């Protein structure tokens, strides 16, 4: 336990705070890795990306989703998810955007219905 001086109150009384020093249990504090490009945050969330990066990723998802539909004639299902996401992961890597794959997968699952609606609208699928 460490005693930290916080300040002097209105009546000249010093306030002290006791702070327990140490790591939180169950949570790693190491969330950055040094690479040749610089420091990367390993626990980055999709929401932390810049708006234009999010837009690029959304467009790449639609491109891959559309390509899969054009090739097969059917809206992609869970078996084709790997193909769609593989294309998106490659585009993200080529663009130099660093985001964990799990975040992209989670974003894809949340956007899938919107992708289907957009595809149906473009190709007038009933």
Protein backbone atom coordinates (compact mmCIF):
# COMPACT_ATOMS: atom_id res chain seq x y z
CA UNK A 1 0.00 0.00 0.00
CA UNK A 2 1.26 3.45 -0.92
CA UNK A 3 0.20 6.73 0.65
CA UNK A 4 -0.23 9.49 -1.94
CA UNK A 5 -0.55 13.17 -1.06
CA UNK A 6 -3.59 14.63 -2.80
CA UNK A 7 -3.82 18.19 -1.57
CA UNK A 8 -4.74 20.69 1.08
CA UNK A 9 -8.41 21.26 1.92
CA UNK A 10 -10.23 24.51 2.61
CA UNK A 11 -9.25 24.54 6.30
CA UNK A 12 -5.61 23.66 5.75
CA UNK A 13 -6.09 19.94 6.49
CA UNK A 14 -4.05 17.62 4.30
CA UNK A 15 -5.93 14.85 2.61
CA UNK A 16 -4.22 11.54 2.03
CA UNK A 17 -5.37 8.73 -0.13
CA UNK A 18 -4.35 5.15 0.14
CA UNK A 19 -3.86 3.42 -3.14
CA UNK A 20 -3.16 -0.24 -3.57
CA UNK A 21 -0.35 -0.67 -6.06
CA UNK A 22 -0.26 -3.68 -8.32
CA UNK A 23 -1.88 -5.34 -11.27
CA UNK A 24 -5.54 -6.07 -11.68
CA UNK A 25 -6.34 -9.73 -11.47
CA UNK A 26 -7.34 -11.47 -14.68
CA UNK A 27 -6.50 -8.59 -17.00
CA UNK A 28 -3.28 -8.32 -18.93
CA UNK A 29 -1.70 -4.88 -18.98
CA UNK A 30 0.40 -5.65 -22.06
CA UNK A 31 -1.76 -4.57 -24.96
CA UNK A 32 0.88 -3.09 -27.27
CA UNK A 33 3.47 -4.77 -29.46
CA UNK A 34 6.45 -3.14 -31.18
CA UNK A 35 6.68 -3.99 -34.89
CA UNK A 36 8.70 -2.69 -37.81
CA UNK A 37 5.85 -0.20 -38.49
CA UNK A 38 5.74 1.04 -34.91
CA UNK A 39 3.68 0.39 -31.82
CA UNK A 40 0.47 -1.61 -32.37
CA UNK A 41 -2.44 -1.86 -29.97
CA UNK A 42 -3.32 -5.56 -29.78
CA UNK A 43 -6.75 -5.14 -28.21
CA UNK A 44 -8.04 -2.50 -30.65
CA UNK A 45 -11.79 -2.33 -31.20
CA UNK A 46 -13.52 -1.72 -34.52
CA UNK A 47 -14.99 1.49 -33.13
CA UNK A 48 -11.45 2.84 -32.62
CA UNK A 49 -10.76 2.87 -36.36
CA UNK A 50 -10.98 6.07 -38.38
CA UNK A 51 -14.23 6.62 -40.23
CA UNK A 52 -12.65 6.21 -43.66
CA UNK A 53 -11.08 2.90 -42.57
CA UNK A 54 -14.49 1.65 -41.42
CA UNK A 55 -16.00 2.70 -44.77
CA UNK A 56 -13.27 0.87 -46.71
CA UNK A 57 -13.81 -2.30 -44.70
CA UNK A 58 -17.59 -2.11 -45.22
CA UNK A 59 -17.07 -1.70 -48.99
CA UNK A 60 -14.62 -4.62 -49.12
CA UNK A 61 -17.18 -6.77 -47.32
CA UNK A 62 -19.85 -5.87 -49.84
CA UNK A 63 -17.48 -6.49 -52.77
CA UNK A 64 -16.65 -9.96 -51.46
CA UNK A 65 -20.29 -10.72 -50.65
CA UNK A 66 -21.38 -9.58 -54.12
CA UNK A 67 -18.59 -11.53 -55.84
CA UNK A 68 -19.67 -14.67 -54.02
CA UNK A 69 -23.27 -14.13 -55.17
CA UNK A 70 -22.26 -13.53 -58.79
CA UNK A 71 -20.13 -16.71 -58.85
CA UNK A 72 -22.66 -19.04 -57.21
CA UNK A 73 -26.00 -17.40 -57.97
CA UNK A 74 -26.95 -17.74 -54.30
CA UNK A 75 -26.59 -15.50 -51.29
CA UNK A 76 -23.62 -16.76 -49.31
CA UNK A 77 -24.28 -18.78 -46.18
CA UNK A 78 -22.06 -19.80 -43.27
CA UNK A 79 -20.04 -22.16 -45.47
CA UNK A 80 -18.94 -19.24 -47.67
CA UNK A 81 -18.15 -16.91 -44.75
CA UNK A 82 -14.50 -17.95 -44.82
CA UNK A 83 -14.17 -16.97 -48.47
CA UNK A 84 -15.76 -13.56 -47.89
CA UNK A 85 -13.76 -12.86 -44.75
CA UNK A 86 -10.53 -14.13 -46.30
CA UNK A 87 -10.84 -11.51 -49.05
CA UNK A 88 -11.57 -8.80 -46.48
CA UNK A 89 -8.64 -9.83 -44.24
CA UNK A 90 -6.30 -9.69 -47.25
CA UNK A 91 -7.52 -6.22 -48.24
CA UNK A 92 -7.10 -4.97 -44.66
CA UNK A 93 -3.56 -6.34 -44.52
CA UNK A 94 -2.68 -4.80 -47.89
CA UNK A 95 -4.01 -1.42 -46.73
CA UNK A 96 -1.90 -1.57 -43.57
CA UNK A 97 -4.86 -1.36 -41.19
CA UNK A 98 -4.28 -3.28 -37.97
CA UNK A 99 -7.35 -4.71 -36.30
CA UNK A 100 -7.83 -8.16 -34.71
CA UNK A 101 -9.59 -10.65 -37.00
CA UNK A 102 -12.16 -11.35 -34.30
CA UNK A 103 -13.33 -7.74 -34.48
CA UNK A 104 -13.78 -8.01 -38.25
CA UNK A 105 -15.69 -11.27 -37.89
CA UNK A 106 -17.95 -9.71 -35.26
CA UNK A 107 -18.55 -6.69 -37.52
CA UNK A 108 -19.36 -9.00 -40.45
CA UNK A 109 -21.91 -10.92 -38.39
CA UNK A 110 -23.58 -7.66 -37.33
CA UNK A 111 -23.65 -6.29 -40.92
CA UNK A 112 -24.65 -9.48 -42.75
CA UNK A 113 -28.38 -8.64 -42.92
CA UNK A 114 -27.60 -5.19 -44.31
CA UNK A 115 -25.33 -6.77 -46.94
CA UNK A 116 -28.13 -9.16 -47.94
CA UNK A 117 -30.64 -6.28 -48.22
CA UNK A 118 -28.22 -4.24 -50.33
CA UNK A 119 -27.56 -7.23 -52.60
CA UNK A 120 -31.28 -7.91 -53.01
CA UNK A 121 -31.86 -4.27 -53.87
CA UNK A 122 -29.07 -4.26 -56.47
CA UNK A 123 -30.07 -7.52 -58.18
CA UNK A 124 -33.84 -7.30 -57.47
CA UNK A 125 -33.89 -10.68 -55.70
CA UNK A 126 -37.20 -11.80 -54.27
